[in-house]
Amino acid sequence: MDPWIATGVVLVPLVGAAAYVRTHRRGRDRMYARLEAARAGVVHQAPIEVDVGGTARDPACLASAFAAERLLRVDEFVSPATLTCLRDEALRGIPRMDPSSIPLHKKGHTLSYEQVLRLAPHAVSFYYSRSVQRWLSIVTGTNARPTPLQDQSSLSVLCYKDAGDHIGWHYDHNFYRGRHFTVLLALVNRSAGGGLSQGRLERQLPDGTAQAIDMPEGALVVFEGNRVRHRATPIVEGDLRVILSMTYCDDPRISRVKEVARRVKDTAFFGIRALWD
């Protein structure tokens, strides 16, 4: 074959692929800009009340416990009415969830930040609540703020609904310059026979043993995921576990290399498209 033809056979597909990715990326950037512009309206049209008062939720009293353990659970963090509102939105989003499966490590379904912005306005209001951010900032001793819109895990709904759904031991790696926190709010956690599902949040203690963190509906757990190794144990037939998952950080800047690493991580939740979306 003529070397010029051979070169063309190789280069044309590569140039075409690069052009496609560049066009796709521009389209996604425009989409994110529209979602960001609409976010304030979503919060305004779906206000949500969050009462972070009372001794059990007093952030000044909880800060020392968090500093020692890097993990904190608060029961009944939201009112029954707020919990019902958030739960109903999450359940309506189940048909739009991305299935995710990594053999021997993870199995479940996830509703991405992008979809939450479209389908769950009260969840968006909760995530951006100034009261929640102030509470979290005092508890963690940082200036906690939402992570970027392009990070599909910033605000998502995790659903464990099929027997065997789980996620194995892992850290929530921090790709940002500042400290990074994972916040989980239990929306549904029940078994067919009553009581909590078999799926448990567990943390690994320094001696290697596992400590279960029960999450009754309405409980909120905040932890520094890159310092706390954790997992969600498998559910059984008839269980349902739905979690509003949020991430915050005190400096959202990120390098290009870590942005690529973050996208690779997100493929575990949103599939291979996370690499270019």
C-alpha atoms as a PDB file:
ATOM      1  CA  MET A   1       0.000   0.000   0.000  1.00  0.00           C
ATOM      2  CA  ASP A   2       1.187   3.520  -0.783  1.00  0.00           C
ATOM      3  CA  PRO A   3       2.584   5.054   2.444  1.00  0.00           C
ATOM      4  CA  TRP A   4       0.504   8.190   1.932  1.00  0.00           C
ATOM      5  CA  ILE A   5      -2.658   6.102   1.713  1.00  0.00           C
ATOM      6  CA  ALA A   6      -1.641   4.114   4.795  1.00  0.00           C
ATOM      7  CA  THR A   7      -1.038   7.350   6.676  1.00  0.00           C
ATOM      8  CA  GLY A   8      -4.456   8.631   5.633  1.00  0.00           C
ATOM      9  CA  VAL A   9      -6.139   5.425   6.753  1.00  0.00           C
ATOM     10  CA  VAL A  10      -4.691   5.975  10.221  1.00  0.00           C
ATOM     11  CA  LEU A  11      -5.050   9.753  10.501  1.00  0.00           C
ATOM     12  CA  VAL A  12      -8.546  10.304   9.099  1.00  0.00           C
ATOM     13  CA  PRO A  13     -10.333   8.270  11.821  1.00  0.00           C
ATOM     14  CA  LEU A  14      -8.206   9.886  14.526  1.00  0.00           C
ATOM     15  CA  VAL A  15      -8.938  13.401  13.258  1.00  0.00           C
ATOM     16  CA  GLY A  16     -12.609  12.539  12.951  1.00  0.00           C
ATOM     17  CA  ALA A  17     -12.714  11.148  16.493  1.00  0.00           C
ATOM     18  CA  ALA A  18     -10.949  14.223  17.870  1.00  0.00           C
ATOM     19  CA  ALA A  19     -13.399  16.516  16.070  1.00  0.00           C
ATOM     20  CA  TYR A  20     -16.350  14.549  17.429  1.00  0.00           C
ATOM     21  CA  VAL A  21     -15.052  14.694  21.005  1.00  0.00           C
ATOM     22  CA  ARG A  22     -14.383  18.431  20.693  1.00  0.00           C
ATOM     23  CA  THR A  23     -17.894  19.096  19.321  1.00  0.00           C
ATOM     24  CA  HIS A  24     -19.454  16.856  21.981  1.00  0.00           C
ATOM     25  CA  ARG A  25     -17.489  18.604  24.714  1.00  0.00           C
ATOM     26  CA  ARG A  26     -18.661  22.030  23.543  1.00  0.00           C
ATOM     27  CA  GLY A  27     -22.245  20.809  23.530  1.00  0.00           C
ATOM     28  CA  ARG A  28     -21.893  19.437  27.058  1.00  0.00           C
ATOM     29  CA  ASP A  29     -20.339  22.693  28.258  1.00  0.00           C
ATOM     30  CA  ARG A  30     -23.314  24.623  26.872  1.00  0.00           C
ATOM     31  CA  MET A  31     -25.690  22.177  28.562  1.00  0.00           C
ATOM     32  CA  TYR A  32     -23.907  22.610  31.912  1.00  0.00           C
ATOM     33  CA  ALA A  33     -24.070  26.392  31.506  1.00  0.00           C
ATOM     34  CA  ARG A  34     -27.844  26.171  30.989  1.00  0.00           C
ATOM     35  CA  LEU A  35     -28.280  23.953  34.042  1.00  0.00           C
ATOM     36  CA  GLU A  36     -26.157  26.286  36.150  1.00  0.00           C
ATOM     37  CA  ALA A  37     -28.148  29.303  34.969  1.00  0.00           C
ATOM     38  CA  ALA A  38     -31.394  27.520  35.857  1.00  0.00           C
ATOM     39  CA  ARG A  39     -30.222  26.303  39.268  1.00  0.00           C
ATOM     40  CA  ALA A  40     -31.120  29.460  41.182  1.00  0.00           C
ATOM     41  CA  GLY A  41     -34.634  29.300  39.744  1.00  0.00           C
ATOM     42  CA  VAL A  42     -34.962  25.651  40.740  1.00  0.00           C
ATOM     43  CA  VAL A  43     -33.984  26.469  44.331  1.00  0.00           C
ATOM     44  CA  HIS A  44     -36.356  29.448  44.406  1.00  0.00           C
ATOM     45  CA  GLN A  45     -39.321  27.476  43.055  1.00  0.00           C
ATOM     46  CA  ALA A  46     -38.746  24.463  45.346  1.00  0.00           C
ATOM     47  CA  PRO A  47     -37.815  25.940  48.738  1.00  0.00           C
ATOM     48  CA  ILE A  48     -37.057  23.531  51.528  1.00  0.00           C
ATOM     49  CA  GLU A  49     -36.818  24.121  55.259  1.00  0.00           C
ATOM     50  CA  VAL A  50     -33.881  22.613  57.113  1.00  0.00           C
ATOM     51  CA  ASP A  51     -33.843  22.975  60.898  1.00  0.00           C
ATOM     52  CA  VAL A  52     -30.305  22.447  62.135  1.00  0.00           C
ATOM     53  CA  GLY A  53     -31.001  23.704  65.635  1.00  0.00           C
ATOM     54  CA  GLY A  54     -31.401  21.699  68.819  1.00  0.00           C
ATOM     55  CA  THR A  55     -28.794  19.959  70.925  1.00  0.00           C
ATOM     56  CA  ALA A  56     -28.676  16.800  68.792  1.00  0.00           C
ATOM     57  CA  ARG A  57     -27.757  18.826  65.692  1.00  0.00           C
ATOM     58  CA  ASP A  58     -25.764  21.630  67.292  1.00  0.00           C
ATOM     59  CA  PRO A  59     -22.686  21.796  65.033  1.00  0.00           C
ATOM     60  CA  ALA A  60     -20.459  23.343  67.713  1.00  0.00           C
ATOM     61  CA  CYS A  61     -21.126  20.356  69.972  1.00  0.00           C
ATOM     62  CA  LEU A  62     -20.540  17.872  67.134  1.00  0.00           C
ATOM     63  CA  ALA A  63     -17.328  19.379  65.758  1.00  0.00           C
ATOM     64  CA  SER A  64     -15.004  17.708  68.265  1.00  0.00           C
ATOM     65  CA  ALA A  65     -16.575  14.288  67.619  1.00  0.00           C
ATOM     66  CA  PHE A  66     -16.093  14.728  63.877  1.00  0.00           C
ATOM     67  CA  ALA A  67     -12.490  15.876  64.315  1.00  0.00           C
ATOM     68  CA  ALA A  68     -11.734  12.705  66.260  1.00  0.00           C
ATOM     69  CA  GLU A  69     -13.569  10.196  64.068  1.00  0.00           C
ATOM     70  CA  ARG A  70     -13.806  11.904  60.634  1.00  0.00           C
ATOM     71  CA  LEU A  71     -17.371  10.539  60.616  1.00  0.00           C
ATOM     72  CA  LEU A  72     -20.615  11.627  62.229  1.00  0.00           C
ATOM     73  CA  ARG A  73     -24.221  10.406  62.179  1.00  0.00           C
ATOM     74  CA  VAL A  74     -27.221  12.542  63.097  1.00  0.00           C
ATOM     75  CA  ASP A  75     -30.667  10.914  63.270  1.00  0.00           C
ATOM     76  CA  GLU A  76     -33.838  12.715  62.160  1.00  0.00           C
ATOM     77  CA  PHE A  77     -31.825  15.421  60.441  1.00  0.00           C
ATOM     78  CA  VAL A  78     -34.858  16.512  58.405  1.00  0.00           C
ATOM     79  CA  SER A  79     -38.537  16.792  59.284  1.00  0.00           C
ATOM     80  CA  PRO A  80     -40.986  14.046  58.241  1.00  0.00           C
ATOM     81  CA  ALA A  81     -42.513  16.371  55.626  1.00  0.00           C
ATOM     82  CA  THR A  82     -39.106  17.180  54.117  1.00  0.00           C
ATOM     83  CA  LEU A  83     -38.119  13.522  54.140  1.00  0.00           C
ATOM     84  CA  THR A  84     -41.325  12.571  52.310  1.00  0.00           C
ATOM     85  CA  CYS A  85     -40.721  15.249  49.683  1.00  0.00           C
ATOM     86  CA  LEU A  86     -37.131  14.164  49.036  1.00  0.00           C
ATOM     87  CA  ARG A  87     -38.077  10.473  49.051  1.00  0.00           C
ATOM     88  CA  ASP A  88     -40.891  10.930  46.512  1.00  0.00           C
ATOM     89  CA  GLU A  89     -38.561  12.758  44.111  1.00  0.00           C
ATOM     90  CA  ALA A  90     -35.924  10.054  44.410  1.00  0.00           C
ATOM     91  CA  LEU A  91     -38.377   7.220  43.830  1.00  0.00           C
ATOM     92  CA  ARG A  92     -39.748   8.936  40.726  1.00  0.00           C
ATOM     93  CA  GLY A  93     -36.202   9.086  39.384  1.00  0.00           C
ATOM     94  CA  ILE A  94     -35.540   5.335  39.566  1.00  0.00           C
ATOM     95  CA  PRO A  95     -36.507   4.701  35.893  1.00  0.00           C
ATOM     96  CA  ARG A  96     -33.899   7.304  34.836  1.00  0.00           C
ATOM     97  CA  MET A  97     -31.069   5.808  36.868  1.00  0.00           C
ATOM     98  CA  ASP A  98     -27.856   4.458  35.383  1.00  0.00           C
ATOM     99  CA  PRO A  99     -27.188   0.812  36.261  1.00  0.00           C
ATOM    100  CA  SER A 100     -23.650   0.209  37.418  1.00  0.00           C
ATOM    101  CA  SER A 101     -21.805  -3.031  37.962  1.00  0.00           C
ATOM    102  CA  ILE A 102     -18.165  -3.853  38.614  1.00  0.00           C
ATOM    103  CA  PRO A 103     -17.717  -7.578  39.232  1.00  0.00           C
ATOM    104  CA  LEU A 104     -16.846  -8.368  42.863  1.00  0.00           C
ATOM    105  CA  HIS A 105     -16.947  -4.671  43.821  1.00  0.00           C
ATOM    106  CA  LYS A 106     -20.131  -2.802  42.984  1.00  0.00           C
ATOM    107  CA  LYS A 107     -23.714  -3.285  41.835  1.00  0.00           C
ATOM    108  CA  GLY A 108     -26.576  -0.809  41.980  1.00  0.00           C
ATOM    109  CA  HIS A 109     -28.220   2.172  40.285  1.00  0.00           C
ATOM    110  CA  THR A 110     -27.408   5.893  40.319  1.00  0.00           C
ATOM    111  CA  LEU A 111     -29.240   9.095  39.375  1.00  0.00           C
ATOM    112  CA  SER A 112     -26.627  11.625  38.283  1.00  0.00           C
ATOM    113  CA  TYR A 113     -26.317  15.278  39.262  1.00  0.00           C
ATOM    114  CA  GLU A 114     -27.453  16.243  35.779  1.00  0.00           C
ATOM    115  CA  GLN A 115     -30.663  14.200  36.150  1.00  0.00           C
ATOM    116  CA  VAL A 116     -31.249  15.359  39.737  1.00  0.00           C
ATOM    117  CA  LEU A 117     -31.182  18.969  38.530  1.00  0.00           C
ATOM    118  CA  ARG A 118     -33.944  18.108  36.069  1.00  0.00           C
ATOM    119  CA  LEU A 119     -36.057  15.745  38.172  1.00  0.00           C
ATOM    120  CA  ALA A 120     -35.559  16.519  41.863  1.00  0.00           C
ATOM    121  CA  PRO A 121     -35.739  20.258  42.608  1.00  0.00           C
ATOM    122  CA  HIS A 122     -36.143  19.823  46.369  1.00  0.00           C
ATOM    123  CA  ALA A 123     -32.989  17.692  46.488  1.00  0.00           C
ATOM    124  CA  VAL A 124     -31.196  20.543  44.710  1.00  0.00           C
ATOM    125  CA  SER A 125     -32.555  22.987  47.301  1.00  0.00           C
ATOM    126  CA  PHE A 126     -31.332  20.770  50.120  1.00  0.00           C
ATOM    127  CA  TYR A 127     -27.863  20.453  48.604  1.00  0.00           C
ATOM    128  CA  TYR A 128     -27.536  24.216  48.133  1.00  0.00           C
ATOM    129  CA  SER A 129     -29.186  25.124  51.442  1.00  0.00           C
ATOM    130  CA  ARG A 130     -27.204  27.846  53.181  1.00  0.00           C
ATOM    131  CA  SER A 131     -28.250  26.321  56.511  1.00  0.00           C
ATOM    132  CA  VAL A 132     -26.807  22.934  55.554  1.00  0.00           C
ATOM    133  CA  GLN A 133     -23.570  24.495  54.303  1.00  0.00           C
ATOM    134  CA  ARG A 134     -23.160  26.573  57.496  1.00  0.00           C
ATOM    135  CA  TRP A 135     -23.848  23.516  59.652  1.00  0.00           C
ATOM    136  CA  LEU A 136     -21.381  21.392  57.703  1.00  0.00           C
ATOM    137  CA  SER A 137     -18.733  24.130  57.783  1.00  0.00           C
ATOM    138  CA  ILE A 138     -18.855  24.333  61.581  1.00  0.00           C
ATOM    139  CA  VAL A 139     -18.859  20.539  62.011  1.00  0.00           C
ATOM    140  CA  THR A 140     -15.852  20.061  59.704  1.00  0.00           C
ATOM    141  CA  GLY A 141     -14.005  23.256  60.591  1.00  0.00           C
ATOM    142  CA  THR A 142     -13.859  24.314  56.936  1.00  0.00           C
ATOM    143  CA  ASN A 143     -15.679  26.553  54.486  1.00  0.00           C
ATOM    144  CA  ALA A 144     -17.725  23.711  52.979  1.00  0.00           C
ATOM    145  CA  ARG A 145     -19.346  24.384  49.629  1.00  0.00           C
ATOM    146  CA  PRO A 146     -20.877  22.278  46.812  1.00  0.00           C
ATOM    147  CA  THR A 147     -18.517  20.586  44.375  1.00  0.00           C
ATOM    148  CA  PRO A 148     -18.696  21.523  40.667  1.00  0.00           C
ATOM    149  CA  LEU A 149     -21.665  20.829  38.424  1.00  0.00           C
ATOM    150  CA  GLN A 150     -19.532  18.791  36.011  1.00  0.00           C
ATOM    151  CA  ASP A 151     -18.824  16.297  38.799  1.00  0.00           C
ATOM    152  CA  GLN A 152     -21.772  13.930  38.362  1.00  0.00           C
ATOM    153  CA  SER A 153     -21.268  12.614  41.909  1.00  0.00           C
ATOM    154  CA  SER A 154     -21.649  16.069  43.484  1.00  0.00           C
ATOM    155  CA  LEU A 155     -25.357  15.429  43.996  1.00  0.00           C
ATOM    156  CA  SER A 156     -26.739  12.010  43.154  1.00  0.00           C
ATOM    157  CA  VAL A 157     -29.206   9.379  44.302  1.00  0.00           C
ATOM    158  CA  LEU A 158     -27.859   5.913  45.069  1.00  0.00           C
ATOM    159  CA  CYS A 159     -30.345   3.057  44.838  1.00  0.00           C
ATOM    160  CA  TYR A 160     -29.896  -0.512  46.042  1.00  0.00           C
ATOM    161  CA  LYS A 161     -33.035  -2.354  44.970  1.00  0.00           C
ATOM    162  CA  ASP A 162     -31.995  -5.778  43.619  1.00  0.00           C
ATOM    163  CA  ALA A 163     -30.683  -8.655  45.726  1.00  0.00           C
ATOM    164  CA  GLY A 164     -26.910  -8.416  45.936  1.00  0.00           C
ATOM    165  CA  ASP A 165     -26.676  -4.673  45.272  1.00  0.00           C
ATOM    166  CA  HIS A 166     -23.701  -3.329  47.218  1.00  0.00           C
ATOM    167  CA  ILE A 167     -20.399  -1.510  46.994  1.00  0.00           C
ATOM    168  CA  GLY A 168     -17.150  -2.966  48.324  1.00  0.00           C
ATOM    169  CA  TRP A 169     -14.459  -1.426  50.473  1.00  0.00           C
ATOM    170  CA  HIS A 170     -13.184   1.860  49.084  1.00  0.00           C
ATOM    171  CA  TYR A 171     -12.193   5.440  49.800  1.00  0.00           C
ATOM    172  CA  ASP A 172     -13.926   8.462  48.285  1.00  0.00           C
ATOM    173  CA  HIS A 173     -10.810   9.880  46.690  1.00  0.00           C
ATOM    174  CA  ASN A 174     -10.368  13.628  46.887  1.00  0.00           C
ATOM    175  CA  PHE A 175      -9.581  15.161  43.493  1.00  0.00           C
ATOM    176  CA  TYR A 176      -9.861  18.777  44.675  1.00  0.00           C
ATOM    177  CA  ARG A 177      -7.290  21.053  46.256  1.00  0.00           C
ATOM    178  CA  GLY A 178      -9.226  21.474  49.486  1.00  0.00           C
ATOM    179  CA  ARG A 179     -10.666  18.920  51.902  1.00  0.00           C
ATOM    180  CA  HIS A 180     -13.541  16.841  50.582  1.00  0.00           C
ATOM    181  CA  PHE A 181     -16.578  15.475  52.425  1.00  0.00           C
ATOM    182  CA  THR A 182     -19.274  12.942  51.612  1.00  0.00           C
ATOM    183  CA  VAL A 183     -22.756  13.537  53.036  1.00  0.00           C
ATOM    184  CA  LEU A 184     -25.404  10.805  52.893  1.00  0.00           C
ATOM    185  CA  LEU A 185     -29.089  11.242  53.756  1.00  0.00           C
ATOM    186  CA  ALA A 186     -31.129   8.034  54.079  1.00  0.00           C
ATOM    187  CA  LEU A 187     -34.410   8.449  52.172  1.00  0.00           C
ATOM    188  CA  VAL A 188     -35.525   4.804  52.123  1.00  0.00           C
ATOM    189  CA  ASN A 189     -34.013   1.957  54.139  1.00  0.00           C
ATOM    190  CA  ARG A 190     -36.391  -0.919  54.703  1.00  0.00           C
ATOM    191  CA  SER A 191     -36.898  -4.631  54.266  1.00  0.00           C
ATOM    192  CA  ALA A 192     -39.990  -6.452  53.052  1.00  0.00           C
ATOM    193  CA  GLY A 193     -40.603  -7.781  56.566  1.00  0.00           C
ATOM    194  CA  GLY A 194     -40.136  -4.448  58.323  1.00  0.00           C
ATOM    195  CA  GLY A 195     -37.082  -2.883  59.903  1.00  0.00           C
ATOM    196  CA  LEU A 196     -33.902  -1.825  58.170  1.00  0.00           C
ATOM    197  CA  SER A 197     -32.585  -3.473  55.032  1.00  0.00           C
ATOM    198  CA  GLN A 198     -29.656  -5.872  55.197  1.00  0.00           C
ATOM    199  CA  GLY A 199     -27.555  -3.242  53.432  1.00  0.00           C
ATOM    200  CA  ARG A 200     -25.399  -1.477  55.998  1.00  0.00           C
ATOM    201  CA  LEU A 201     -22.898   1.332  55.740  1.00  0.00           C
ATOM    202  CA  GLU A 202     -19.717   0.051  57.379  1.00  0.00           C
ATOM    203  CA  ARG A 203     -16.421   1.735  58.153  1.00  0.00           C
ATOM    204  CA  GLN A 204     -13.109  -0.003  58.662  1.00  0.00           C
ATOM    205  CA  LEU A 205     -11.558   0.665  62.059  1.00  0.00           C
ATOM    206  CA  PRO A 206      -7.785   0.975  62.594  1.00  0.00           C
ATOM    207  CA  ASP A 207      -7.617  -2.633  63.835  1.00  0.00           C
ATOM    208  CA  GLY A 208      -9.152  -3.850  60.566  1.00  0.00           C
ATOM    209  CA  THR A 209     -12.584  -4.703  61.950  1.00  0.00           C
ATOM    210  CA  ALA A 210     -15.813  -3.341  60.467  1.00  0.00           C
ATOM    211  CA  GLN A 211     -18.128  -0.987  62.340  1.00  0.00           C
ATOM    212  CA  ALA A 212     -21.738  -0.771  61.145  1.00  0.00           C
ATOM    213  CA  ILE A 213     -23.284   2.701  60.843  1.00  0.00           C
ATOM    214  CA  ASP A 214     -27.038   2.146  60.905  1.00  0.00           C
ATOM    215  CA  MET A 215     -28.947   4.628  58.762  1.00  0.00           C
ATOM    216  CA  PRO A 216     -32.646   4.776  59.635  1.00  0.00           C
ATOM    217  CA  GLU A 217     -34.698   6.915  57.284  1.00  0.00           C
ATOM    218  CA  GLY A 218     -33.959  10.591  57.868  1.00  0.00           C
ATOM    219  CA  ALA A 219     -30.476   9.955  59.277  1.00  0.00           C
ATOM    220  CA  LEU A 220     -27.587  11.981  57.892  1.00  0.00           C
ATOM    221  CA  VAL A 221     -23.987  10.746  57.838  1.00  0.00           C
ATOM    222  CA  VAL A 222     -21.049  13.013  57.023  1.00  0.00           C
ATOM    223  CA  PHE A 223     -17.513  11.701  56.678  1.00  0.00           C
ATOM    224  CA  GLU A 224     -14.174  12.564  55.130  1.00  0.00           C
ATOM    225  CA  GLY A 225     -14.188   9.858  52.495  1.00  0.00           C
ATOM    226  CA  ASN A 226     -10.507   9.888  51.593  1.00  0.00           C
ATOM    227  CA  ARG A 227      -9.672   9.134  55.250  1.00  0.00           C
ATOM    228  CA  VAL A 228     -12.487   6.705  56.053  1.00  0.00           C
ATOM    229  CA  ARG A 229     -12.466   3.342  54.280  1.00  0.00           C
ATOM    230  CA  HIS A 230     -16.060   2.197  53.931  1.00  0.00           C
ATOM    231  CA  ARG A 231     -18.516  -0.048  52.109  1.00  0.00           C
ATOM    232  CA  ALA A 232     -22.242  -0.782  51.705  1.00  0.00           C
ATOM    233  CA  THR A 233     -23.021  -4.443  52.386  1.00  0.00           C
ATOM    234  CA  PRO A 234     -25.327  -6.403  50.020  1.00  0.00           C
ATOM    235  CA  ILE A 235     -29.095  -6.155  50.297  1.00  0.00           C
ATOM    236  CA  VAL A 236     -31.393  -9.185  50.015  1.00  0.00           C
ATOM    237  CA  GLU A 237     -34.598  -9.801  48.075  1.00  0.00           C
ATOM    238  CA  GLY A 238     -37.309  -7.356  49.133  1.00  0.00           C
ATOM    239  CA  ASP A 239     -34.914  -4.735  50.535  1.00  0.00           C
ATOM    240  CA  LEU A 240     -34.850  -1.151  49.273  1.00  0.00           C
ATOM    241  CA  ARG A 241     -32.166   1.359  50.148  1.00  0.00           C
ATOM    242  CA  VAL A 242     -32.224   4.830  48.580  1.00  0.00           C
ATOM    243  CA  ILE A 243     -29.626   7.405  49.603  1.00  0.00           C
ATOM    244  CA  LEU A 244     -29.248  11.077  48.695  1.00  0.00           C
ATOM    245  CA  SER A 245     -25.483  11.376  48.194  1.00  0.00           C
ATOM    246  CA  MET A 246     -23.756  14.764  48.281  1.00  0.00           C
ATOM    247  CA  THR A 247     -20.160  15.940  48.191  1.00  0.00           C
ATOM    248  CA  TYR A 248     -18.742  19.214  49.477  1.00  0.00           C
ATOM    249  CA  CYS A 249     -15.253  20.675  49.574  1.00  0.00           C
ATOM    250  CA  ASP A 250     -13.562  23.831  50.824  1.00  0.00           C
ATOM    251  CA  ASP A 251     -11.585  24.490  47.616  1.00  0.00           C
ATOM    252  CA  PRO A 252     -13.159  23.240  44.366  1.00  0.00           C
ATOM    253  CA  ARG A 253     -10.145  23.872  42.142  1.00  0.00           C
ATOM    254  CA  ILE A 254      -8.899  20.805  40.292  1.00  0.00           C
ATOM    255  CA  SER A 255      -5.946  20.076  37.996  1.00  0.00           C
ATOM    256  CA  ARG A 256      -6.356  18.637  34.493  1.00  0.00           C
ATOM    257  CA  VAL A 257      -4.737  15.374  35.560  1.00  0.00           C
ATOM    258  CA  LYS A 258      -7.057  14.959  38.533  1.00  0.00           C
ATOM    259  CA  GLU A 259     -10.061  15.904  36.394  1.00  0.00           C
ATOM    260  CA  VAL A 260      -9.247  12.940  34.150  1.00  0.00           C
ATOM    261  CA  ALA A 261      -8.839  10.727  37.228  1.00  0.00           C
ATOM    262  CA  ARG A 262     -12.204  11.903  38.554  1.00  0.00           C
ATOM    263  CA  ARG A 263     -13.882  10.983  35.267  1.00  0.00           C
ATOM    264  CA  VAL A 264     -12.342   7.511  35.372  1.00  0.00           C
ATOM    265  CA  LYS A 265     -13.736   7.087  38.892  1.00  0.00           C
ATOM    266  CA  ASP A 266     -17.199   8.179  37.742  1.00  0.00           C
ATOM    267  CA  THR A 267     -17.336   5.367  35.181  1.00  0.00           C
ATOM    268  CA  ALA A 268     -18.065   3.082  38.151  1.00  0.00           C
ATOM    269  CA  PHE A 269     -21.363   4.925  38.681  1.00  0.00           C
ATOM    270  CA  PHE A 270     -22.343   6.322  35.288  1.00  0.00           C
ATOM    271  CA  GLY A 271     -20.683   4.028  32.775  1.00  0.00           C
ATOM    272  CA  ILE A 272     -18.031   4.714  30.147  1.00  0.00           C
ATOM    273  CA  ARG A 273     -19.767   7.910  28.998  1.00  0.00           C
ATOM    274  CA  ALA A 274     -18.432   9.642  32.140  1.00  0.00           C
ATOM    275  CA  LEU A 275     -15.063   9.870  30.367  1.00  0.00           C
ATOM    276  CA  TRP A 276     -16.324  12.397  27.826  1.00  0.00           C
ATOM    277  CA  ASP A 277     -19.517  13.787  29.363  1.00  0.00           C
END
